[in-house]
Amino acid sequence: MLIYISSKNNPVYKNISKLQFKSNKRKVSNSFIVESRQDISLCKDFGFEFIEIIVCSELISEQNMNYINNNFGNIIIHDFSQNLYQELIYKKKGDGLLALVKSKDNSLKNFKLSKKPFFLIAESPEKPGNIGALLRTADAAGLDGLIIADPKTELYNPNTIRSSLGSIFTMQIATGTTDEIINYLKNNNIKIYSTFIKGSRNYLNVDYNKSCAIVVGTESSPLSKSWFSKSDELITIPMKGKMDSLNLSVSAAIVIFEGLKQRNDN
């Protein structure tokens, strides 16, 4: 039986609200909030662990309620009033569903490599929207995954989740320090192709048919010296105009899809 909750003083609501809006609360609890049937379904399909389900009986469709009852019968389900529910959602019009989900262990030891790996590494991306866009690029290209070096932004930030359009749940993701990641790459015989503006080779003249990782930095600062000294190739995208850099996810996509073209041609 659903317990209807309409007061902001209710401890369940207070906890969910803090998890939705406070990064430190998500980090301490190792959990995060998911909105919508679509993202809840992706979490379920890709092995995330559910802690609680929140429905808004005033908004949820019969189809979605049946989906919850059929798939989450062993999970605690709360019924929030429409006013409380709308205090929590980022989207203007929700579908009456939220879920509290446990974060995955995104350590390098859990990152699985294919026979000939091809994946993306981003060093210290600062904007959640950039991380989401990189995940969408990696997903579209069918890469092994995304590794984030020296992360500055919490992975399961609501803005990252929204901008990823669900790819944060479908893609392999790992985090670690730059040195840890470089050692991981060297130990697994993976070529390191790092994007630099100066003193670099045209990205079109690089062989991507080997096991390799594409490394990108932020839009505002270059990659750290470790990548400069430990990379197998320093690569660049030639610019024809006055600007010397592209949007982070655009730069990554240009190089990644050149790599895919070469791999498909062979």
Protein backbone atom coordinates (compact mmCIF):
# COMPACT_ATOMS: atom_id res chain seq x y z
CA MET A 1 0.00 0.00 0.00
CA LEU A 2 1.29 3.46 -0.90
CA ILE A 3 1.72 5.96 1.93
CA TYR A 4 0.71 9.43 0.79
CA ILE A 5 3.15 12.20 1.78
CA SER A 6 2.18 15.86 1.45
CA SER A 7 4.27 17.65 4.10
CA LYS A 8 7.71 19.15 3.53
CA ASN A 9 8.49 18.26 7.13
CA ASN A 10 8.22 14.55 6.38
CA PRO A 11 11.67 12.93 6.86
CA VAL A 12 11.36 10.92 3.63
CA TYR A 13 10.73 14.07 1.60
CA LYS A 14 13.55 15.93 3.38
CA ASN A 15 16.01 13.15 2.54
CA ILE A 16 15.00 12.97 -1.14
CA SER A 17 15.15 16.76 -1.45
CA LYS A 18 18.68 16.90 -0.04
CA LEU A 19 19.82 14.14 -2.37
CA GLN A 20 18.37 15.94 -5.37
CA PHE A 21 19.91 19.33 -4.64
CA LYS A 22 23.03 18.78 -2.51
CA SER A 23 26.14 17.23 -4.01
CA ASN A 24 27.75 16.42 -0.66
CA LYS A 25 24.66 14.47 0.40
CA ARG A 26 24.85 12.36 -2.78
CA LYS A 27 28.56 11.70 -2.23
CA VAL A 28 28.13 10.66 1.41
CA SER A 29 25.17 8.40 0.70
CA ASN A 30 26.64 7.06 -2.55
CA SER A 31 23.27 7.53 -4.23
CA PHE A 32 21.42 9.87 -6.57
CA ILE A 33 17.96 10.72 -7.92
CA VAL A 34 16.63 9.67 -11.32
CA GLU A 35 13.63 11.28 -13.03
CA SER A 36 11.26 9.71 -15.57
CA ARG A 37 10.22 6.24 -16.68
CA GLN A 38 12.83 6.31 -19.45
CA ASP A 39 15.82 6.85 -17.14
CA ILE A 40 14.46 4.46 -14.52
CA SER A 41 14.15 1.78 -17.22
CA LEU A 42 17.73 2.40 -18.37
CA CYS A 43 19.02 2.12 -14.80
CA LYS A 44 17.18 -1.17 -14.40
CA ASP A 45 18.39 -2.55 -17.74
CA PHE A 46 22.03 -1.63 -17.06
CA GLY A 47 22.34 -3.07 -13.57
CA PHE A 48 21.87 -0.16 -11.19
CA GLU A 49 20.57 -0.95 -7.71
CA PHE A 50 17.35 0.75 -6.63
CA ILE A 51 16.82 1.96 -3.07
CA GLU A 52 13.40 3.67 -3.18
CA ILE A 53 10.76 4.62 -5.73
CA ILE A 54 8.71 7.83 -5.52
CA VAL A 55 5.46 8.18 -7.43
CA CYS A 56 2.99 11.02 -7.68
CA SER A 57 -0.38 9.30 -7.90
CA GLU A 58 -1.95 12.59 -9.03
CA LEU A 59 0.20 12.58 -12.20
CA ILE A 60 1.41 9.07 -12.96
CA SER A 61 -0.26 7.16 -15.80
CA GLU A 62 -1.81 3.76 -15.28
CA GLN A 63 0.78 2.28 -17.64
CA ASN A 64 3.69 3.67 -15.63
CA MET A 65 2.14 2.61 -12.33
CA ASN A 66 1.77 -0.92 -13.67
CA TYR A 67 5.42 -0.83 -14.77
CA ILE A 68 6.50 0.10 -11.24
CA ASN A 69 4.33 -2.55 -9.59
CA ASN A 70 5.50 -5.25 -11.99
CA ASN A 71 9.21 -4.46 -11.76
CA PHE A 72 9.83 -3.03 -8.29
CA GLY A 73 7.58 -5.02 -6.00
CA ASN A 74 10.39 -5.52 -3.49
CA ILE A 75 11.38 -1.82 -3.36
CA ILE A 76 9.91 0.77 -0.96
CA ILE A 77 7.45 3.00 -2.86
CA HIS A 78 6.38 6.44 -1.60
CA ASP A 79 3.54 8.56 -2.96
CA PHE A 80 4.34 12.29 -2.95
CA SER A 81 1.72 14.98 -3.46
CA GLN A 82 1.87 16.90 -6.72
CA ASN A 83 3.23 19.97 -4.93
CA LEU A 84 6.08 18.01 -3.31
CA TYR A 85 6.85 16.13 -6.51
CA GLN A 86 7.11 19.31 -8.56
CA GLU A 87 9.46 20.81 -5.97
CA LEU A 88 11.89 18.00 -6.79
CA ILE A 89 11.86 17.70 -10.57
CA TYR A 90 14.00 19.68 -12.99
CA LYS A 91 11.75 19.10 -15.96
CA LYS A 92 8.75 21.42 -16.27
CA LYS A 93 6.37 18.52 -16.64
CA GLY A 94 7.28 15.21 -15.10
CA ASP A 95 5.63 11.83 -15.52
CA GLY A 96 5.05 11.28 -11.81
CA LEU A 97 8.12 9.13 -11.25
CA LEU A 98 11.39 9.47 -9.33
CA ALA A 99 13.83 6.86 -8.06
CA LEU A 100 16.61 6.81 -5.51
CA VAL A 101 19.44 4.78 -7.05
CA LYS A 102 22.77 3.56 -5.70
CA SER A 103 25.86 4.90 -7.48
CA LYS A 104 28.05 2.35 -9.23
CA ASP A 105 31.67 1.71 -8.29
CA ASN A 106 33.41 3.58 -11.11
CA SER A 107 36.96 2.54 -10.25
CA LEU A 108 39.38 1.51 -12.99
CA LYS A 109 39.41 -2.11 -11.82
CA ASN A 110 35.80 -2.46 -12.98
CA PHE A 111 36.41 -1.01 -16.47
CA LYS A 112 36.16 -3.91 -18.94
CA LEU A 113 38.21 -3.82 -22.13
CA SER A 114 37.18 -5.30 -25.46
CA LYS A 115 39.60 -7.26 -27.66
CA LYS A 116 40.80 -4.05 -29.36
CA PRO A 117 39.76 -1.22 -27.04
CA PHE A 118 38.87 2.25 -28.25
CA PHE A 119 37.70 4.73 -25.65
CA LEU A 120 37.70 8.33 -24.53
CA ILE A 121 39.49 10.00 -21.60
CA ALA A 122 38.61 13.48 -20.33
CA GLU A 123 40.91 15.24 -17.89
CA SER A 124 39.19 17.39 -15.25
CA PRO A 125 36.04 18.36 -17.16
CA GLU A 126 34.43 21.16 -15.17
CA LYS A 127 30.96 21.51 -16.64
CA PRO A 128 28.33 18.78 -16.09
CA GLY A 129 26.94 19.56 -19.53
CA ASN A 130 30.30 18.75 -21.14
CA ILE A 131 30.45 15.40 -19.37
CA GLY A 132 26.95 14.59 -20.58
CA ALA A 133 27.85 15.57 -24.14
CA LEU A 134 31.01 13.43 -24.05
CA LEU A 135 28.96 10.45 -22.87
CA ARG A 136 26.51 10.93 -25.72
CA THR A 137 29.41 11.07 -28.19
CA ALA A 138 30.99 7.93 -26.73
CA ASP A 139 27.66 6.12 -26.83
CA ALA A 140 26.94 7.18 -30.43
CA ALA A 141 30.36 5.90 -31.50
CA GLY A 142 30.01 2.61 -29.63
CA LEU A 143 33.20 3.19 -27.64
CA ASP A 144 34.26 0.96 -24.77
CA GLY A 145 33.49 3.84 -22.43
CA LEU A 146 34.60 7.11 -20.87
CA ILE A 147 37.31 7.54 -18.25
CA ILE A 148 37.48 10.80 -16.30
CA ALA A 149 40.88 11.81 -14.97
CA ASP A 150 41.10 13.97 -11.85
CA PRO A 151 37.35 14.69 -11.82
CA LYS A 152 36.24 18.11 -10.60
CA THR A 153 32.52 17.53 -10.95
CA GLU A 154 30.40 14.89 -9.27
CA LEU A 155 29.50 12.24 -11.84
CA TYR A 156 25.81 11.83 -10.97
CA ASN A 157 25.07 15.54 -10.90
CA PRO A 158 21.48 16.14 -12.12
CA ASN A 159 22.79 18.38 -14.92
CA THR A 160 25.12 15.63 -16.13
CA ILE A 161 22.29 13.11 -16.07
CA ARG A 162 19.98 15.38 -18.06
CA SER A 163 22.58 16.40 -20.65
CA SER A 164 23.66 12.78 -21.18
CA LEU A 165 20.14 11.83 -22.33
CA GLY A 166 20.49 8.49 -20.58
CA SER A 167 23.97 7.59 -21.83
CA ILE A 168 25.35 8.00 -18.29
CA PHE A 169 23.50 4.76 -17.52
CA THR A 170 24.39 2.88 -20.70
CA MET A 171 28.11 3.65 -20.96
CA GLN A 172 31.01 2.23 -19.00
CA ILE A 173 32.50 5.00 -16.87
CA ALA A 174 35.61 5.01 -14.71
CA THR A 175 37.40 7.67 -12.72
CA GLY A 176 40.92 7.95 -11.35
CA THR A 177 43.93 10.22 -11.08
CA THR A 178 45.88 11.03 -14.21
CA ASP A 179 48.84 8.92 -13.03
CA GLU A 180 46.59 5.95 -12.20
CA ILE A 181 44.99 6.10 -15.62
CA ILE A 182 48.30 6.40 -17.48
CA ASN A 183 49.63 3.36 -15.60
CA TYR A 184 46.42 1.48 -16.43
CA LEU A 185 46.84 2.29 -20.13
CA LYS A 186 50.51 1.32 -20.20
CA ASN A 187 49.86 -1.94 -18.33
CA ASN A 188 47.19 -2.88 -20.87
CA ASN A 189 49.27 -1.87 -23.94
CA ILE A 190 46.84 0.84 -24.98
CA LYS A 191 48.17 3.67 -27.16
CA ILE A 192 47.63 7.17 -25.79
CA TYR A 193 46.61 9.83 -28.32
CA SER A 194 46.37 13.19 -26.55
CA THR A 195 44.94 16.36 -28.05
CA PHE A 196 47.25 19.38 -27.95
CA ILE A 197 47.15 22.58 -30.01
CA LYS A 198 50.87 23.12 -30.58
CA GLY A 199 53.66 20.73 -31.55
CA SER A 200 51.21 18.04 -32.54
CA ARG A 201 50.47 15.79 -35.48
CA ASN A 202 47.39 16.18 -37.67
CA TYR A 203 44.77 13.79 -36.27
CA LEU A 204 44.12 12.47 -39.81
CA ASN A 205 47.67 11.11 -40.02
CA VAL A 206 47.41 8.86 -36.96
CA ASP A 207 46.69 5.11 -36.99
CA TYR A 208 43.68 4.32 -34.78
CA ASN A 209 43.52 0.63 -35.66
CA LYS A 210 45.45 -0.37 -32.56
CA SER A 211 44.08 -0.44 -29.04
CA CYS A 212 43.97 3.23 -28.18
CA ALA A 213 42.49 5.98 -26.04
CA ILE A 214 41.71 9.54 -27.13
CA VAL A 215 42.52 12.07 -24.40
CA VAL A 216 40.91 15.52 -24.27
CA GLY A 217 41.31 18.38 -21.82
CA THR A 218 39.02 21.25 -20.90
CA GLU A 219 38.12 24.10 -23.22
CA SER A 220 39.92 26.59 -20.97
CA SER A 221 43.22 24.83 -20.24
CA PRO A 222 45.53 22.28 -21.91
CA LEU A 223 46.16 18.75 -20.73
CA SER A 224 48.60 18.30 -17.88
CA LYS A 225 52.32 17.67 -18.43
CA SER A 226 51.95 13.97 -17.64
CA TRP A 227 49.90 13.43 -20.79
CA PHE A 228 52.40 15.46 -22.82
CA SER A 229 55.32 13.29 -21.71
CA LYS A 230 53.62 9.87 -21.61
CA SER A 231 51.50 9.97 -24.77
CA ASP A 232 52.31 7.87 -27.83
CA GLU A 233 51.03 10.63 -30.12
CA LEU A 234 50.17 14.29 -29.61
CA ILE A 235 47.40 15.13 -32.06
CA THR A 236 45.63 18.27 -33.21
CA ILE A 237 42.67 19.29 -35.35
CA PRO A 238 43.82 21.94 -37.88
CA MET A 239 41.82 25.18 -37.69
CA LYS A 240 41.04 27.22 -40.81
CA GLY A 241 39.51 30.24 -39.06
CA LYS A 242 40.64 32.62 -36.35
CA MET A 243 39.68 30.45 -33.35
CA ASP A 244 42.18 27.95 -31.98
CA SER A 245 39.79 25.57 -30.23
CA LEU A 246 36.45 23.79 -30.58
CA ASN A 247 33.78 22.77 -28.12
CA LEU A 248 35.07 19.84 -26.03
CA SER A 249 32.57 17.23 -27.24
CA VAL A 250 32.90 18.42 -30.87
CA SER A 251 36.69 17.99 -30.75
CA ALA A 252 36.32 14.53 -29.24
CA ALA A 253 33.72 13.52 -31.84
CA ILE A 254 35.88 14.62 -34.80
CA VAL A 255 38.81 12.47 -33.67
CA ILE A 256 36.68 9.53 -32.52
CA PHE A 257 34.78 9.24 -35.79
CA GLU A 258 38.00 9.43 -37.80
CA GLY A 259 39.17 6.51 -35.69
CA LEU A 260 35.95 4.62 -36.40
CA LYS A 261 36.26 5.29 -40.12
CA GLN A 262 39.76 3.81 -40.16
CA ARG A 263 38.68 0.79 -38.14
CA ASN A 264 35.65 0.17 -40.38
CA ASP A 265 37.76 0.51 -43.53
CA ASN A 266 40.04 -2.22 -42.26
